[in-house]
Protein backbone atom coordinates (compact mmCIF):
# COMPACT_ATOMS: atom_id res chain seq x y z
CA MET A 1 -165.49 -88.49 -91.64
CA GLN A 2 -164.24 -85.57 -88.91
CA GLU A 3 -166.68 -82.75 -88.75
CA THR A 4 -165.24 -78.84 -89.40
CA LEU A 5 -166.12 -76.49 -86.96
CA LEU A 6 -166.79 -72.97 -88.48
CA PRO A 7 -166.61 -70.14 -86.15
CA GLU A 8 -167.46 -67.08 -87.67
CA ASN A 9 -165.12 -64.19 -84.61
CA GLN A 10 -162.04 -64.43 -82.82
CA ASP A 11 -164.29 -64.68 -79.86
CA GLN A 12 -165.69 -67.86 -80.77
CA PHE A 13 -161.23 -69.05 -82.34
CA ALA A 14 -160.43 -68.05 -78.64
CA GLU A 15 -163.26 -70.52 -76.68
CA LEU A 16 -162.18 -73.00 -79.23
CA ALA A 17 -158.54 -73.12 -78.37
CA ARG A 18 -158.98 -72.39 -74.92
CA PHE A 19 -160.75 -75.95 -74.78
CA CYS A 20 -158.61 -77.66 -76.88
CA LEU A 21 -156.11 -76.17 -73.78
CA SER A 22 -158.68 -77.50 -71.17
CA GLU A 23 -158.55 -81.00 -72.69
CA LYS A 24 -155.33 -81.71 -74.39
CA LYS A 25 -156.53 -81.88 -77.59
CA SER A 26 -155.08 -80.55 -81.61
CA LEU A 27 -156.59 -77.71 -84.05
CA ALA A 28 -155.85 -77.90 -87.29
CA ILE A 29 -156.69 -74.94 -89.05
CA SER A 30 -158.03 -74.00 -92.27
CA GLY A 31 -159.08 -71.66 -94.99
CA ASN A 32 -160.66 -73.52 -97.95
CA ASN A 33 -157.98 -76.10 -98.00
CA SER A 34 -156.53 -74.23 -100.72
CA LYS A 35 -152.99 -74.90 -100.44
CA SER A 36 -153.64 -78.75 -98.54
CA GLY A 37 -151.09 -80.04 -100.78
CA PHE A 38 -148.29 -78.14 -99.04
CA GLY A 39 -146.29 -79.51 -95.64
CA TYR A 40 -147.03 -83.15 -93.89
CA SER A 41 -150.28 -84.18 -93.17
CA VAL A 42 -152.09 -82.64 -89.98
CA GLN A 43 -153.19 -85.80 -87.52
CA ALA A 44 -155.83 -83.15 -85.31
CA ASP A 45 -158.39 -83.96 -83.57
CA ILE A 46 -160.46 -80.81 -84.35
CA ASP A 47 -160.69 -78.71 -87.89
CA ALA A 48 -161.65 -76.10 -87.77
CA SER A 49 -162.46 -73.83 -90.59
CA MET A 50 -161.73 -69.57 -91.43
CA SER A 51 -164.09 -69.53 -94.00
CA ALA A 52 -167.26 -68.41 -91.72
CA CYS A 53 -164.88 -65.39 -90.40
CA THR A 54 -165.52 -63.56 -93.45
CA GLY A 55 -166.65 -59.44 -95.01
CA ILE A 56 -163.89 -56.33 -94.95
CA ILE A 57 -164.29 -54.38 -91.86
CA GLU A 58 -162.52 -50.94 -93.03
CA TYR A 59 -160.69 -49.94 -96.53
CA ASP A 60 -160.23 -46.55 -97.03
CA PRO A 61 -159.29 -45.74 -100.96
CA ALA A 62 -157.06 -43.03 -100.22
CA GLU A 63 -154.96 -43.87 -96.97
CA LEU A 64 -154.22 -47.43 -98.69
CA VAL A 65 -155.63 -49.47 -95.82
CA MET A 66 -158.20 -52.31 -95.98
CA ARG A 67 -159.21 -54.45 -93.27
CA ALA A 68 -160.34 -58.42 -93.55
CA ARG A 69 -161.71 -61.01 -91.22
CA ALA A 70 -158.96 -63.63 -91.60
CA GLY A 71 -161.68 -66.10 -94.61
CA THR A 72 -162.63 -63.54 -96.76
CA THR A 73 -161.62 -64.80 -99.99
CA LEU A 74 -158.62 -63.24 -102.36
CA ASN A 75 -161.23 -62.23 -104.94
CA GLU A 76 -163.89 -60.80 -103.36
CA ILE A 77 -160.83 -58.63 -101.90
CA LYS A 78 -159.29 -57.99 -105.49
CA THR A 79 -162.82 -57.18 -106.51
CA VAL A 80 -163.22 -54.42 -104.34
CA LEU A 81 -159.82 -52.86 -105.09
CA THR A 82 -160.92 -53.18 -108.98
CA GLU A 83 -163.25 -50.49 -108.32
CA GLN A 84 -161.10 -48.22 -106.55
CA GLN A 85 -158.46 -48.58 -109.23
CA GLN A 86 -156.36 -50.30 -106.54
CA GLN A 87 -154.64 -53.66 -106.19
CA LEU A 88 -152.23 -56.00 -104.29
CA ALA A 89 -149.09 -54.60 -105.21
CA PHE A 90 -147.06 -58.00 -104.01
CA GLU A 91 -149.12 -59.69 -106.84
CA PRO A 92 -151.25 -63.21 -104.78
CA GLU A 93 -152.98 -65.59 -107.58
CA THR A 94 -154.33 -69.22 -106.33
CA MET A 95 -152.03 -71.72 -106.01
CA SER A 96 -155.28 -74.43 -107.33
CA ALA A 97 -153.44 -75.23 -110.05
CA LEU A 98 -150.66 -76.16 -108.47
CA TYR A 99 -152.72 -78.50 -106.18
CA SER A 100 -155.52 -79.90 -108.57
CA ASN A 101 -157.76 -77.83 -106.71
CA SER A 102 -160.81 -75.19 -107.50
CA ARG A 103 -160.70 -73.56 -103.66
CA GLU A 104 -160.28 -70.28 -103.71
CA ASP A 105 -157.72 -68.77 -101.31
CA THR A 106 -158.64 -66.32 -97.99
CA ILE A 107 -156.57 -63.28 -97.23
CA ALA A 108 -155.06 -64.97 -93.94
CA GLY A 109 -154.06 -67.77 -95.64
CA VAL A 110 -152.16 -65.58 -98.62
CA PHE A 111 -150.05 -64.32 -95.68
CA ALA A 112 -149.79 -67.06 -93.68
CA SER A 113 -148.35 -68.41 -96.53
CA ASN A 114 -147.04 -65.56 -97.35
CA LEU A 115 -147.78 -65.85 -100.34
CA SER A 116 -146.48 -63.27 -103.97
CA GLY A 117 -146.52 -63.18 -107.07
CA SER A 118 -143.28 -62.05 -109.43
CA ARG A 119 -143.87 -58.55 -109.05
CA ARG A 120 -141.25 -59.82 -105.72
CA PHE A 121 -138.58 -58.35 -107.00
CA GLN A 122 -139.79 -54.42 -106.80
CA ALA A 123 -142.64 -54.49 -104.65
CA GLY A 124 -141.26 -56.99 -101.53
CA SER A 125 -143.43 -60.20 -100.28
CA ALA A 126 -146.77 -60.48 -98.73
CA ARG A 127 -145.59 -59.66 -95.37
CA ASP A 128 -143.28 -56.17 -96.18
CA HIS A 129 -147.43 -55.00 -97.08
CA LEU A 130 -149.38 -56.24 -93.77
CA LEU A 131 -149.77 -53.45 -91.16
CA GLY A 132 -150.91 -55.24 -88.42
CA PHE A 133 -153.23 -58.20 -87.44
CA ASN A 134 -155.74 -59.62 -84.98
CA ALA A 135 -154.77 -63.17 -83.06
CA ILE A 136 -155.16 -65.78 -81.38
CA ASN A 137 -151.43 -68.31 -79.48
CA GLY A 138 -151.80 -71.40 -78.37
CA ARG A 139 -152.24 -69.49 -74.86
CA ALA A 140 -154.99 -68.51 -76.38
CA GLU A 141 -154.48 -65.44 -75.55
CA LEU A 142 -156.13 -62.69 -78.27
CA TYR A 143 -153.59 -60.17 -79.05
CA LYS A 144 -152.52 -57.63 -81.46
CA SER A 145 -149.49 -56.39 -83.69
CA GLY A 146 -148.93 -53.41 -85.95
CA GLY A 147 -151.93 -51.30 -86.52
CA ASN A 148 -153.88 -49.53 -89.34
CA VAL A 149 -152.04 -47.13 -91.07
CA ILE A 150 -149.22 -47.30 -93.06
CA LYS A 151 -145.91 -45.45 -90.48
CA ASN A 152 -146.41 -47.72 -87.67
CA VAL A 153 -143.82 -48.71 -86.00
CA THR A 154 -145.31 -49.49 -82.17
CA GLY A 155 -144.29 -52.49 -80.71
CA TYR A 156 -142.35 -55.97 -81.91
CA ASP A 157 -143.04 -56.19 -86.11
CA LEU A 158 -144.60 -59.98 -85.33
CA SER A 159 -146.16 -59.60 -88.93
CA LYS A 160 -142.66 -60.87 -90.29
CA LEU A 161 -142.78 -64.08 -88.27
CA ILE A 162 -146.69 -64.86 -88.62
CA CYS A 163 -146.25 -64.79 -92.57
CA GLY A 164 -144.63 -68.17 -93.87
CA SER A 165 -145.71 -69.48 -90.29
CA TRP A 166 -148.95 -71.92 -92.30
CA GLY A 167 -150.95 -71.67 -89.06
CA THR A 168 -148.63 -73.32 -86.80
CA LEU A 169 -147.89 -70.21 -84.46
CA SER A 170 -151.84 -68.14 -84.42
CA VAL A 171 -154.88 -67.85 -85.93
CA LEU A 172 -154.46 -64.33 -87.82
CA THR A 173 -158.55 -63.56 -87.59
CA GLU A 174 -158.06 -59.99 -88.87
CA LEU A 175 -155.98 -58.22 -90.91
CA SER A 176 -154.78 -54.53 -92.14
CA PHE A 177 -152.84 -55.18 -95.41
CA LYS A 178 -152.15 -51.86 -97.62
CA VAL A 179 -152.93 -51.57 -100.97
CA LEU A 180 -151.33 -49.59 -104.12
CA PRO A 181 -153.04 -48.00 -107.24
CA ALA A 182 -153.07 -50.34 -110.49
CA PRO A 183 -151.25 -49.49 -113.49
CA ALA A 184 -153.66 -48.46 -116.45
CA VAL A 185 -151.24 -50.08 -118.52
CA ILE A 186 -149.92 -53.31 -118.66
CA VAL A 187 -147.58 -54.06 -121.87
CA THR A 188 -145.37 -56.99 -121.98
CA ALA A 189 -141.94 -57.21 -123.93
CA ILE A 190 -141.30 -60.23 -125.49
CA LEU A 191 -138.11 -61.30 -126.87
CA ASP A 192 -137.31 -65.17 -128.59
CA ASP A 193 -133.55 -65.32 -129.70
CA LEU A 194 -130.65 -64.59 -126.93
CA ASN A 195 -129.04 -67.50 -125.43
CA THR A 196 -130.06 -68.16 -121.39
CA GLU A 197 -126.48 -66.65 -121.01
CA LYS A 198 -127.75 -63.42 -122.38
CA ALA A 199 -131.04 -62.95 -121.30
CA LEU A 200 -130.11 -63.08 -117.80
CA GLY A 201 -127.51 -60.75 -118.32
CA LEU A 202 -130.49 -57.97 -120.71
CA LEU A 203 -132.45 -59.28 -116.79
CA SER A 204 -130.11 -58.20 -114.03
CA THR A 205 -129.50 -55.30 -115.79
CA LEU A 206 -133.27 -53.89 -116.48
CA ALA A 207 -133.92 -55.43 -112.56
CA THR A 208 -131.69 -51.98 -111.73
CA SER A 209 -132.38 -49.92 -114.80
CA PRO A 210 -134.37 -46.50 -114.45
CA LEU A 211 -136.78 -48.66 -116.33
CA HIS A 212 -138.69 -49.52 -114.04
CA ALA A 213 -139.63 -53.04 -115.23
CA SER A 214 -142.26 -54.76 -112.96
CA GLY A 215 -141.48 -57.76 -114.51
CA LEU A 216 -138.96 -59.94 -115.05
CA ALA A 217 -139.28 -63.72 -116.09
CA LEU A 218 -138.10 -66.22 -118.56
CA LEU A 219 -139.38 -69.04 -120.07
CA PRO A 220 -136.64 -71.58 -121.22
CA GLY A 221 -139.90 -73.67 -123.00
CA GLY A 222 -140.61 -71.29 -124.38
CA ILE A 223 -144.49 -68.89 -123.95
CA LYS A 224 -147.01 -71.10 -124.78
CA SER A 225 -145.68 -73.31 -121.85
CA ALA A 226 -146.38 -70.85 -119.04
CA LEU A 227 -150.38 -71.03 -121.04
CA GLU A 228 -150.24 -74.47 -121.60
CA SER A 229 -149.49 -77.32 -119.35
CA ASN A 230 -146.56 -79.42 -120.74
CA VAL A 231 -145.12 -77.76 -123.83
CA THR A 232 -141.64 -78.07 -124.85
CA GLN A 233 -140.26 -75.58 -127.49
CA ALA A 234 -135.80 -75.23 -127.64
CA ASN A 235 -136.04 -71.75 -128.03
CA CYS A 236 -135.94 -69.37 -124.41
CA THR A 237 -138.25 -66.23 -124.50
CA SER A 238 -137.82 -63.51 -122.12
CA LEU A 239 -140.79 -61.28 -120.23
CA ILE A 240 -140.46 -57.97 -119.11
CA ARG A 241 -143.40 -56.34 -117.88
CA PHE A 242 -143.67 -52.78 -117.94
CA GLU A 243 -146.55 -50.52 -116.04
CA GLY A 244 -147.61 -47.08 -115.41
CA SER A 245 -149.59 -44.43 -117.28
CA ARG A 246 -150.42 -44.41 -121.17
CA THR A 247 -147.31 -42.09 -121.88
CA SER A 248 -145.04 -43.57 -119.36
CA VAL A 249 -146.03 -47.04 -120.19
CA ASP A 250 -144.61 -45.90 -124.25
CA ALA A 251 -141.71 -43.74 -123.71
CA ARG A 252 -139.96 -47.00 -121.64
CA LEU A 253 -140.28 -49.45 -124.31
CA ARG A 254 -138.88 -46.98 -126.87
CA GLU A 255 -135.96 -46.48 -124.02
CA PHE A 256 -135.72 -50.23 -123.62
CA GLN A 257 -136.33 -51.05 -128.05
CA THR A 258 -133.45 -48.57 -128.36
CA SER A 259 -131.01 -48.66 -125.31
CA TYR A 260 -131.34 -52.43 -125.06
CA ALA A 261 -133.11 -54.40 -127.68
CA SER A 262 -132.39 -52.37 -131.20
CA GLN A 263 -130.29 -55.25 -132.78
CA MET A 264 -133.56 -57.76 -131.23
CA SER A 265 -136.63 -58.83 -133.03
CA VAL A 266 -139.31 -57.78 -129.95
CA SER A 267 -143.40 -58.19 -130.12
CA LEU A 268 -145.56 -56.86 -127.35
CA LEU A 269 -148.82 -58.04 -125.20
CA GLU A 270 -151.37 -55.89 -124.62
CA GLN A 271 -153.24 -55.18 -121.40
CA ASP A 272 -155.34 -59.23 -121.11
CA GLU A 273 -152.69 -60.70 -122.65
CA SER A 274 -149.85 -59.16 -120.31
CA LEU A 275 -152.23 -60.48 -117.40
CA GLN A 276 -152.76 -63.96 -118.28
CA ILE A 277 -149.45 -64.53 -118.43
CA TRP A 278 -148.57 -62.92 -115.75
CA LYS A 279 -150.96 -64.38 -113.40
CA ALA A 280 -149.83 -68.02 -114.99
CA LEU A 281 -145.97 -67.56 -113.32
CA SER A 282 -147.21 -65.60 -110.18
CA SER A 283 -149.51 -69.54 -109.13
CA ALA A 284 -146.76 -71.38 -111.02
CA SER A 285 -148.80 -73.01 -113.63
CA PRO A 286 -145.76 -73.38 -116.19
CA VAL A 287 -145.14 -77.03 -113.99
CA ALA A 288 -148.63 -77.22 -111.92
CA TYR A 289 -148.34 -80.67 -114.28
CA HIS A 290 -145.68 -82.85 -111.80
CA PRO A 291 -145.69 -84.70 -109.10
CA VAL A 292 -142.99 -82.93 -107.98
CA ILE A 293 -142.21 -79.01 -107.17
CA MET A 294 -140.01 -76.63 -105.74
CA LYS A 295 -139.29 -73.20 -105.72
CA LEU A 296 -135.20 -72.52 -105.25
CA SER A 297 -134.80 -68.56 -103.87
CA ILE A 298 -131.33 -67.69 -104.77
CA PRO A 299 -129.09 -64.35 -104.98
CA PRO A 300 -129.18 -63.46 -108.69
CA SER A 301 -125.60 -64.24 -109.10
CA LEU A 302 -126.45 -67.24 -108.90
CA ALA A 303 -129.43 -68.22 -112.08
CA LEU A 304 -126.52 -68.84 -114.64
CA ARG A 305 -124.75 -71.28 -112.91
CA MET A 306 -128.11 -72.23 -112.13
CA SER A 307 -129.92 -73.10 -115.06
CA GLN A 308 -126.89 -74.96 -116.04
CA LEU A 309 -127.03 -77.51 -113.23
CA LEU A 310 -131.32 -77.81 -114.48
CA ASN A 311 -130.42 -77.99 -117.42
CA GLU A 312 -127.76 -81.09 -116.75
CA ILE A 313 -130.51 -83.12 -114.76
CA GLY A 314 -133.59 -84.93 -116.88
CA ASN A 315 -137.24 -85.21 -116.21
CA CYS A 316 -137.62 -81.66 -115.32
CA ASN A 317 -138.55 -78.37 -116.45
CA TRP A 318 -137.84 -75.11 -114.88
CA TYR A 319 -138.57 -71.00 -115.58
CA LEU A 320 -137.14 -67.89 -113.06
CA ASP A 321 -139.29 -65.59 -112.50
CA ALA A 322 -138.69 -62.28 -110.34
CA ALA A 323 -135.59 -61.23 -111.97
CA GLY A 324 -133.51 -64.15 -110.81
CA ALA A 325 -134.33 -64.38 -107.88
CA TRP A 326 -136.44 -67.14 -108.07
CA PHE A 327 -136.71 -71.28 -110.16
CA TRP A 328 -140.13 -72.93 -109.89
CA LEU A 329 -138.85 -76.72 -110.73
CA GLY A 330 -141.33 -79.63 -112.14
CA LEU A 331 -139.25 -82.86 -111.59
CA GLU A 332 -140.62 -86.04 -111.77
CA THR A 333 -140.75 -88.74 -109.29
CA THR A 334 -137.17 -90.84 -110.90
CA LYS A 335 -134.33 -89.32 -109.04
CA ALA A 336 -136.33 -86.80 -107.29
CA VAL A 337 -134.56 -87.33 -104.24
CA GLU A 338 -131.20 -87.33 -105.96
CA ASN A 339 -132.13 -83.93 -107.26
CA ILE A 340 -133.25 -82.27 -105.39
CA ASN A 341 -130.60 -82.62 -102.19
CA ARG A 342 -128.55 -81.45 -105.27
CA PHE A 343 -130.03 -78.62 -105.39
CA ARG A 344 -129.57 -78.01 -101.39
CA SER A 345 -126.43 -78.66 -101.79
CA SER A 346 -125.84 -76.41 -104.06
CA LEU A 347 -127.13 -73.46 -102.50
CA ALA A 348 -126.18 -74.62 -99.23
CA GLU A 349 -123.12 -71.69 -98.77
CA GLU A 350 -124.75 -69.08 -101.19
CA ASN A 351 -128.29 -68.31 -99.12
CA GLY A 352 -130.45 -69.39 -101.08
CA SER A 353 -133.39 -72.33 -100.69
CA ALA A 354 -135.24 -75.40 -101.81
CA ILE A 355 -138.67 -75.21 -100.41
CA LEU A 356 -140.35 -78.35 -101.74
CA TYR A 357 -144.09 -76.94 -102.85
CA LYS A 358 -145.72 -80.44 -104.01
CA ALA A 359 -144.96 -84.37 -103.71
CA PRO A 360 -146.02 -87.09 -102.61
CA ASP A 361 -145.70 -88.14 -99.07
CA GLU A 362 -142.15 -90.79 -99.45
CA ILE A 363 -140.88 -88.08 -100.66
CA LYS A 364 -141.02 -85.34 -98.54
CA ASN A 365 -140.34 -87.15 -95.19
CA LYS A 366 -136.82 -88.71 -97.18
CA VAL A 367 -136.17 -85.24 -98.29
CA GLY A 368 -138.26 -82.34 -95.78
CA ILE A 369 -140.16 -79.82 -97.69
CA TYR A 370 -137.29 -77.21 -96.30
CA SER A 371 -133.85 -76.85 -96.95
CA PRO A 372 -132.02 -78.26 -93.69
CA ALA A 373 -131.74 -76.15 -91.36
CA GLN A 374 -128.52 -74.74 -89.40
CA VAL A 375 -128.06 -75.56 -85.92
CA THR A 376 -128.09 -71.82 -84.62
CA LEU A 377 -131.54 -71.34 -86.92
CA GLU A 378 -134.07 -74.81 -85.50
CA SER A 379 -133.05 -74.07 -82.09
CA LEU A 380 -134.18 -70.28 -83.12
CA ARG A 381 -137.58 -71.83 -84.22
CA LEU A 382 -137.92 -74.04 -81.98
CA ARG A 383 -138.11 -71.49 -79.36
CA ILE A 384 -140.19 -69.20 -81.24
CA LYS A 385 -142.99 -72.06 -81.34
CA GLU A 386 -142.18 -72.77 -77.81
CA SER A 387 -143.06 -68.26 -77.83
CA PHE A 388 -146.64 -68.61 -79.53
CA ASP A 389 -147.93 -72.22 -79.16
CA PRO A 390 -146.22 -74.36 -76.82
CA ALA A 391 -148.37 -77.43 -76.10
CA ASN A 392 -148.45 -77.31 -80.03
CA ILE A 393 -151.95 -77.31 -80.42
CA PHE A 394 -152.25 -75.34 -83.99
CA ASN A 395 -151.85 -77.43 -86.90
CA PRO A 396 -149.18 -79.93 -85.23
CA GLY A 397 -147.20 -81.50 -87.82
CA ARG A 398 -147.96 -79.32 -90.81
CA LEU A 399 -144.10 -78.36 -90.80
CA ASP A 400 -142.50 -80.91 -89.48
CA TYR A 401 -142.60 -84.58 -89.82
CA GLN A 402 -142.53 -85.82 -86.93
CA LYS A 403 -140.62 -89.91 -87.18
């Protein structure tokens, strides 16, 4: 069994990268391996974990900025923020249910995977909240991008490239990111008496309404499907989340019921129950028990058409999140390749994507984890990889099946 190295700071990571270059070795980079099921197996000569490179370096609640080392756990950061009534507004949640482990996500892993939750349509994704970082590229060079303040426009915005690169471009060692005040009150309105078309129409309207809902989701299997594995129901449940002060939330709830739901039966989930349901949605828990899991990112205008396609396919459970921009799908292995290709074909001309988050290797190898890139985009991706990591020492093969 290969030993895992535990560098404690960026100088030690740089030294390790220099060794890999000189000895023509490759390096598998991880945090706590909480998302090791994503992508292909990394075939590297040396394993290196960020788990010893930990600690919050700087936190200024008044300036809404935190700086932390890469291996600091998401739970540690959330605990410190909660003490100051603050939060990570892009709402990352652990993906342990998806990959059947109990490991904690690290803050570098959150940004390297661009891990975002249900508030995506309102607050943006993880990459929109990363202010700056220290990193080591594939030439073993230390470099910095951005800074420690929210208004920072110095240099290239490398955050957009690094977020979502899954450790294939650089090793993140320190990160600065925005934090925001946490809402005092969270209430979720539940509607059970709408069909899919009417529910999607309502969510689309609310996404741009002055009511400022912070969560909009649709559960074809009913609310129990988000909290319990393998539950199916006939009813379609819409979830609308309101956050803020008690006065503001109550006023918006009254306006919602008067203007949008006057003829409907509305039930409410208060604080703890709301937190529970949105945590489940952000972590893909409703479909986590399936052997094949995909996430469709689409223009919300396509949501109805996509829901109709999904309902035509057998052995497929799904739910909609982020006001119609995301569909999380759970598939069985039977006909999975055929169905994945069908989803991607339907999105090819619509600027949508279908990312395979979990599947047996034989399915990944047949369909790929990402939608096939256009020739121009593939060429650009390869040029970016060449710029950051020309010797391909970082996480070789993680995002590319090597035939």
